[in-house]
Amino acid sequence: MFHWWTKKRLNASNQRGFTLIELMIVVAIIGILAAIAIPLYANVQARARIAKAQADSRALASAVSIYAAHMGIVPTTLDALTATASNGQGQTAGPFMASIPSTPAGWTTPYAYAGNTSSGTFVISATGDGTTVVLP
Protein backbone atom coordinates (compact mmCIF):
# COMPACT_ATOMS: atom_id res chain seq x y z
CA MET A 1 0.00 0.00 0.00
CA PHE A 2 1.43 3.38 -1.07
CA HIS A 3 0.54 6.64 0.55
CA TRP A 4 0.99 9.98 -1.11
CA TRP A 5 3.59 11.01 1.50
CA THR A 6 5.77 7.96 0.90
CA LYS A 7 5.90 8.10 -2.88
CA LYS A 8 9.25 9.00 -4.35
CA ARG A 9 9.45 11.31 -7.28
CA LEU A 10 11.52 9.60 -9.96
CA ASN A 11 12.96 11.04 -13.10
CA ALA A 12 14.41 9.25 -16.07
CA SER A 13 17.74 8.39 -14.43
CA ASN A 14 16.54 8.25 -10.79
CA GLN A 15 18.73 11.28 -9.79
CA ARG A 16 17.85 14.19 -7.59
CA GLY A 17 19.50 17.60 -7.70
CA PHE A 18 19.43 20.94 -5.98
CA THR A 19 16.65 23.37 -6.72
CA LEU A 20 17.32 26.90 -7.85
CA ILE A 21 16.10 28.26 -4.50
CA GLU A 22 18.56 26.07 -2.59
CA LEU A 23 21.45 27.26 -4.76
CA MET A 24 20.40 30.90 -4.35
CA ILE A 25 20.32 30.49 -0.56
CA VAL A 26 23.86 29.05 -0.56
CA VAL A 27 25.13 31.90 -2.74
CA ALA A 28 23.47 34.45 -0.44
CA ILE A 29 25.08 32.87 2.64
CA ILE A 30 28.51 32.91 0.99
CA GLY A 31 27.99 36.57 0.07
CA ILE A 32 27.07 37.48 3.65
CA LEU A 33 30.13 35.68 5.02
CA ALA A 34 32.39 37.43 2.51
CA ALA A 35 30.89 40.81 3.41
CA ILE A 36 31.78 40.15 7.04
CA ALA A 37 35.23 38.63 6.46
CA ILE A 38 36.73 41.16 4.03
CA PRO A 39 36.62 44.20 6.39
CA LEU A 40 37.97 42.05 9.23
CA TYR A 41 40.87 40.94 7.05
CA ALA A 42 41.66 44.54 6.07
CA ASN A 43 41.64 45.50 9.75
CA VAL A 44 44.13 42.72 10.54
CA GLN A 45 46.49 44.03 7.86
CA ALA A 46 46.30 47.59 9.21
CA ARG A 47 46.98 46.37 12.75
CA ALA A 48 49.99 44.39 11.50
CA ARG A 49 51.40 47.49 9.78
CA ILE A 50 50.93 49.53 12.94
CA ALA A 51 52.60 46.79 15.02
CA LYS A 52 55.57 46.81 12.61
CA ALA A 53 55.91 50.57 12.95
CA GLN A 54 55.79 50.29 16.75
CA ALA A 55 58.43 47.54 16.79
CA ASP A 56 60.70 49.44 14.39
CA SER A 57 60.31 52.62 16.46
CA ARG A 58 61.24 50.75 19.64
CA ALA A 59 64.32 49.28 17.94
CA LEU A 60 65.35 52.74 16.72
CA ALA A 61 64.80 54.24 20.18
CA SER A 62 66.92 51.50 21.73
CA ALA A 63 69.73 52.10 19.23
CA VAL A 64 69.58 55.86 19.87
CA SER A 65 69.82 55.24 23.62
CA ILE A 66 72.83 52.94 23.20
CA TYR A 67 74.48 55.49 20.89
CA ALA A 68 73.83 58.24 23.46
CA ALA A 69 75.29 56.11 26.26
CA HIS A 70 78.45 55.54 24.19
CA MET A 71 78.87 59.03 22.76
CA GLY A 72 77.40 61.15 25.57
CA ILE A 73 74.95 62.87 23.20
CA VAL A 74 72.05 61.71 21.04
CA PRO A 75 72.79 61.43 17.32
CA THR A 76 71.82 64.30 15.05
CA THR A 77 70.31 61.94 12.47
CA LEU A 78 69.28 58.28 12.34
CA ASP A 79 72.00 57.64 9.75
CA ALA A 80 74.61 57.96 12.54
CA LEU A 81 73.29 54.67 13.93
CA THR A 82 74.54 52.69 10.91
CA ALA A 83 78.18 53.77 11.24
CA THR A 84 80.99 53.16 13.69
CA ALA A 85 81.35 55.99 16.22
CA SER A 86 84.32 57.05 18.36
CA ASN A 87 83.65 58.84 21.64
CA GLY A 88 85.84 61.38 23.48
CA GLN A 89 87.92 58.64 25.16
CA GLY A 90 88.83 57.13 21.79
CA GLN A 91 86.55 54.12 22.22
CA THR A 92 84.79 52.91 19.09
CA ALA A 93 81.44 51.17 18.89
CA GLY A 94 78.83 50.45 16.34
CA PRO A 95 77.19 50.23 14.04
CA PHE A 96 74.24 50.42 16.39
CA MET A 97 71.82 49.23 13.67
CA ALA A 98 72.60 47.35 10.47
CA SER A 99 70.22 49.61 8.53
CA ILE A 100 67.40 52.03 9.17
CA PRO A 101 64.14 50.08 8.75
CA SER A 102 61.66 51.16 6.13
CA THR A 103 58.16 52.10 7.16
CA PRO A 104 55.37 49.58 6.56
CA ALA A 105 53.87 49.20 3.09
CA GLY A 106 51.51 52.05 2.29
CA TRP A 107 53.08 54.47 4.78
CA THR A 108 54.36 57.34 2.70
CA THR A 109 57.01 58.96 4.90
CA PRO A 110 60.08 57.36 6.49
CA TYR A 111 60.62 57.36 10.24
CA ALA A 112 61.01 60.93 11.46
CA TYR A 113 63.69 61.69 14.04
CA ALA A 114 64.15 64.84 16.09
CA GLY A 115 67.10 64.77 18.46
CA ASN A 116 67.95 67.56 20.87
CA THR A 117 71.67 67.24 21.65
CA SER A 118 71.62 69.93 24.34
CA SER A 119 68.90 68.24 26.43
CA GLY A 120 69.68 64.66 25.37
CA THR A 121 66.10 63.96 24.30
CA PHE A 122 64.71 62.62 21.06
CA VAL A 123 61.41 61.77 19.35
CA ILE A 124 60.89 59.09 16.71
CA SER A 125 57.61 59.08 14.79
CA ALA A 126 55.87 57.58 11.79
CA THR A 127 52.40 58.17 10.33
CA GLY A 128 50.12 55.87 8.35
CA ASP A 129 46.87 53.88 8.45
CA GLY A 130 45.16 56.78 10.20
CA THR A 131 47.50 56.68 13.18
CA THR A 132 50.81 58.12 14.37
CA VAL A 133 53.42 56.11 16.25
CA VAL A 134 55.55 58.31 18.52
CA LEU A 135 58.42 57.30 20.82
CA PRO A 136 59.48 57.76 23.55
C-alpha atoms as a PDB file:
ATOM      1  CA  MET A   1       0.000   0.000   0.000  1.00  0.00           C
ATOM      2  CA  PHE A   2       1.433   3.378  -1.074  1.00  0.00           C
ATOM      3  CA  HIS A   3       0.540   6.640   0.553  1.00  0.00           C
ATOM      4  CA  TRP A   4       0.990   9.981  -1.107  1.00  0.00           C
ATOM      5  CA  TRP A   5       3.587  11.013   1.504  1.00  0.00           C
ATOM      6  CA  THR A   6       5.767   7.961   0.898  1.00  0.00           C
ATOM      7  CA  LYS A   7       5.903   8.101  -2.878  1.00  0.00           C
ATOM      8  CA  LYS A   8       9.253   9.002  -4.350  1.00  0.00           C
ATOM      9  CA  ARG A   9       9.454  11.310  -7.279  1.00  0.00           C
ATOM     10  CA  LEU A  10      11.518   9.599  -9.962  1.00  0.00           C
ATOM     11  CA  ASN A  11      12.961  11.042 -13.099  1.00  0.00           C
ATOM     12  CA  ALA A  12      14.408   9.249 -16.075  1.00  0.00           C
ATOM     13  CA  SER A  13      17.735   8.392 -14.429  1.00  0.00           C
ATOM     14  CA  ASN A  14      16.541   8.254 -10.792  1.00  0.00           C
ATOM     15  CA  GLN A  15      18.725  11.277  -9.794  1.00  0.00           C
ATOM     16  CA  ARG A  16      17.846  14.189  -7.594  1.00  0.00           C
ATOM     17  CA  GLY A  17      19.505  17.600  -7.701  1.00  0.00           C
ATOM     18  CA  PHE A  18      19.428  20.942  -5.983  1.00  0.00           C
ATOM     19  CA  THR A  19      16.649  23.369  -6.720  1.00  0.00           C
ATOM     20  CA  LEU A  20      17.321  26.902  -7.851  1.00  0.00           C
ATOM     21  CA  ILE A  21      16.099  28.260  -4.501  1.00  0.00           C
ATOM     22  CA  GLU A  22      18.562  26.067  -2.592  1.00  0.00           C
ATOM     23  CA  LEU A  23      21.449  27.263  -4.764  1.00  0.00           C
ATOM     24  CA  MET A  24      20.401  30.899  -4.352  1.00  0.00           C
ATOM     25  CA  ILE A  25      20.316  30.490  -0.561  1.00  0.00           C
ATOM     26  CA  VAL A  26      23.858  29.054  -0.564  1.00  0.00           C
ATOM     27  CA  VAL A  27      25.134  31.897  -2.744  1.00  0.00           C
ATOM     28  CA  ALA A  28      23.472  34.447  -0.444  1.00  0.00           C
ATOM     29  CA  ILE A  29      25.078  32.871   2.637  1.00  0.00           C
ATOM     30  CA  ILE A  30      28.515  32.913   0.986  1.00  0.00           C
ATOM     31  CA  GLY A  31      27.988  36.567   0.070  1.00  0.00           C
ATOM     32  CA  ILE A  32      27.069  37.482   3.646  1.00  0.00           C
ATOM     33  CA  LEU A  33      30.131  35.680   5.019  1.00  0.00           C
ATOM     34  CA  ALA A  34      32.388  37.429   2.512  1.00  0.00           C
ATOM     35  CA  ALA A  35      30.889  40.807   3.414  1.00  0.00           C
ATOM     36  CA  ILE A  36      31.778  40.149   7.043  1.00  0.00           C
ATOM     37  CA  ALA A  37      35.234  38.632   6.463  1.00  0.00           C
ATOM     38  CA  ILE A  38      36.735  41.156   4.027  1.00  0.00           C
ATOM     39  CA  PRO A  39      36.616  44.198   6.389  1.00  0.00           C
ATOM     40  CA  LEU A  40      37.970  42.052   9.234  1.00  0.00           C
ATOM     41  CA  TYR A  41      40.870  40.941   7.053  1.00  0.00           C
ATOM     42  CA  ALA A  42      41.657  44.544   6.072  1.00  0.00           C
ATOM     43  CA  ASN A  43      41.637  45.497   9.749  1.00  0.00           C
ATOM     44  CA  VAL A  44      44.128  42.725  10.538  1.00  0.00           C
ATOM     45  CA  GLN A  45      46.488  44.027   7.862  1.00  0.00           C
ATOM     46  CA  ALA A  46      46.299  47.590   9.209  1.00  0.00           C
ATOM     47  CA  ARG A  47      46.975  46.372  12.754  1.00  0.00           C
ATOM     48  CA  ALA A  48      49.989  44.394  11.496  1.00  0.00           C
ATOM     49  CA  ARG A  49      51.403  47.489   9.778  1.00  0.00           C
ATOM     50  CA  ILE A  50      50.926  49.533  12.944  1.00  0.00           C
ATOM     51  CA  ALA A  51      52.598  46.789  15.023  1.00  0.00           C
ATOM     52  CA  LYS A  52      55.571  46.807  12.611  1.00  0.00           C
ATOM     53  CA  ALA A  53      55.906  50.572  12.955  1.00  0.00           C
ATOM     54  CA  GLN A  54      55.791  50.288  16.754  1.00  0.00           C
ATOM     55  CA  ALA A  55      58.426  47.541  16.792  1.00  0.00           C
ATOM     56  CA  ASP A  56      60.699  49.442  14.388  1.00  0.00           C
ATOM     57  CA  SER A  57      60.314  52.622  16.455  1.00  0.00           C
ATOM     58  CA  ARG A  58      61.245  50.750  19.645  1.00  0.00           C
ATOM     59  CA  ALA A  59      64.324  49.281  17.936  1.00  0.00           C
ATOM     60  CA  LEU A  60      65.349  52.741  16.718  1.00  0.00           C
ATOM     61  CA  ALA A  61      64.801  54.242  20.183  1.00  0.00           C
ATOM     62  CA  SER A  62      66.915  51.501  21.733  1.00  0.00           C
ATOM     63  CA  ALA A  63      69.727  52.097  19.232  1.00  0.00           C
ATOM     64  CA  VAL A  64      69.581  55.858  19.871  1.00  0.00           C
ATOM     65  CA  SER A  65      69.821  55.238  23.621  1.00  0.00           C
ATOM     66  CA  ILE A  66      72.835  52.945  23.197  1.00  0.00           C
ATOM     67  CA  TYR A  67      74.481  55.493  20.894  1.00  0.00           C
ATOM     68  CA  ALA A  68      73.826  58.242  23.464  1.00  0.00           C
ATOM     69  CA  ALA A  69      75.293  56.106  26.261  1.00  0.00           C
ATOM     70  CA  HIS A  70      78.454  55.543  24.192  1.00  0.00           C
ATOM     71  CA  MET A  71      78.868  59.034  22.762  1.00  0.00           C
ATOM     72  CA  GLY A  72      77.403  61.151  25.572  1.00  0.00           C
ATOM     73  CA  ILE A  73      74.951  62.872  23.203  1.00  0.00           C
ATOM     74  CA  VAL A  74      72.053  61.713  21.043  1.00  0.00           C
ATOM     75  CA  PRO A  75      72.787  61.427  17.317  1.00  0.00           C
ATOM     76  CA  THR A  76      71.819  64.297  15.054  1.00  0.00           C
ATOM     77  CA  THR A  77      70.310  61.935  12.472  1.00  0.00           C
ATOM     78  CA  LEU A  78      69.279  58.280  12.344  1.00  0.00           C
ATOM     79  CA  ASP A  79      71.999  57.644   9.752  1.00  0.00           C
ATOM     80  CA  ALA A  80      74.607  57.961  12.538  1.00  0.00           C
ATOM     81  CA  LEU A  81      73.288  54.670  13.930  1.00  0.00           C
ATOM     82  CA  THR A  82      74.537  52.695  10.915  1.00  0.00           C
ATOM     83  CA  ALA A  83      78.180  53.774  11.244  1.00  0.00           C
ATOM     84  CA  THR A  84      80.995  53.160  13.693  1.00  0.00           C
ATOM     85  CA  ALA A  85      81.350  55.988  16.219  1.00  0.00           C
ATOM     86  CA  SER A  86      84.317  57.050  18.357  1.00  0.00           C
ATOM     87  CA  ASN A  87      83.655  58.840  21.637  1.00  0.00           C
ATOM     88  CA  GLY A  88      85.842  61.381  23.485  1.00  0.00           C
ATOM     89  CA  GLN A  89      87.916  58.637  25.162  1.00  0.00           C
ATOM     90  CA  GLY A  90      88.829  57.133  21.792  1.00  0.00           C
ATOM     91  CA  GLN A  91      86.553  54.120  22.217  1.00  0.00           C
ATOM     92  CA  THR A  92      84.792  52.913  19.094  1.00  0.00           C
ATOM     93  CA  ALA A  93      81.444  51.168  18.892  1.00  0.00           C
ATOM     94  CA  GLY A  94      78.825  50.452  16.340  1.00  0.00           C
ATOM     95  CA  PRO A  95      77.187  50.225  14.036  1.00  0.00           C
ATOM     96  CA  PHE A  96      74.239  50.424  16.388  1.00  0.00           C
ATOM     97  CA  MET A  97      71.818  49.234  13.673  1.00  0.00           C
ATOM     98  CA  ALA A  98      72.599  47.348  10.474  1.00  0.00           C
ATOM     99  CA  SER A  99      70.224  49.610   8.526  1.00  0.00           C
ATOM    100  CA  ILE A 100      67.403  52.026   9.169  1.00  0.00           C
ATOM    101  CA  PRO A 101      64.142  50.080   8.753  1.00  0.00           C
ATOM    102  CA  SER A 102      61.664  51.162   6.127  1.00  0.00           C
ATOM    103  CA  THR A 103      58.156  52.097   7.156  1.00  0.00           C
ATOM    104  CA  PRO A 104      55.366  49.575   6.560  1.00  0.00           C
ATOM    105  CA  ALA A 105      53.869  49.198   3.089  1.00  0.00           C
ATOM    106  CA  GLY A 106      51.512  52.049   2.287  1.00  0.00           C
ATOM    107  CA  TRP A 107      53.082  54.471   4.778  1.00  0.00           C
ATOM    108  CA  THR A 108      54.360  57.342   2.696  1.00  0.00           C
ATOM    109  CA  THR A 109      57.007  58.961   4.896  1.00  0.00           C
ATOM    110  CA  PRO A 110      60.084  57.362   6.493  1.00  0.00           C
ATOM    111  CA  TYR A 111      60.622  57.364  10.239  1.00  0.00           C
ATOM    112  CA  ALA A 112      61.012  60.931  11.456  1.00  0.00           C
ATOM    113  CA  TYR A 113      63.687  61.686  14.038  1.00  0.00           C
ATOM    114  CA  ALA A 114      64.154  64.840  16.086  1.00  0.00           C
ATOM    115  CA  GLY A 115      67.099  64.767  18.460  1.00  0.00           C
ATOM    116  CA  ASN A 116      67.946  67.560  20.868  1.00  0.00           C
ATOM    117  CA  THR A 117      71.665  67.242  21.651  1.00  0.00           C
ATOM    118  CA  SER A 118      71.617  69.925  24.343  1.00  0.00           C
ATOM    119  CA  SER A 119      68.903  68.239  26.432  1.00  0.00           C
ATOM    120  CA  GLY A 120      69.676  64.661  25.366  1.00  0.00           C
ATOM    121  CA  THR A 121      66.096  63.960  24.297  1.00  0.00           C
ATOM    122  CA  PHE A 122      64.707  62.617  21.057  1.00  0.00           C
ATOM    123  CA  VAL A 123      61.415  61.765  19.350  1.00  0.00           C
ATOM    124  CA  ILE A 124      60.890  59.090  16.709  1.00  0.00           C
ATOM    125  CA  SER A 125      57.607  59.081  14.786  1.00  0.00           C
ATOM    126  CA  ALA A 126      55.866  57.577  11.793  1.00  0.00           C
ATOM    127  CA  THR A 127      52.402  58.167  10.331  1.00  0.00           C
ATOM    128  CA  GLY A 128      50.121  55.872   8.351  1.00  0.00           C
ATOM    129  CA  ASP A 129      46.869  53.875   8.450  1.00  0.00           C
ATOM    130  CA  GLY A 130      45.162  56.782  10.204  1.00  0.00           C
ATOM    131  CA  THR A 131      47.500  56.675  13.183  1.00  0.00           C
ATOM    132  CA  THR A 132      50.805  58.118  14.373  1.00  0.00           C
ATOM    133  CA  VAL A 133      53.421  56.111  16.251  1.00  0.00           C
ATOM    134  CA  VAL A 134      55.546  58.312  18.517  1.00  0.00           C
ATOM    135  CA  LEU A 135      58.416  57.295  20.816  1.00  0.00           C
ATOM    136  CA  PRO A 136      59.476  57.765  23.554  1.00  0.00           C
END
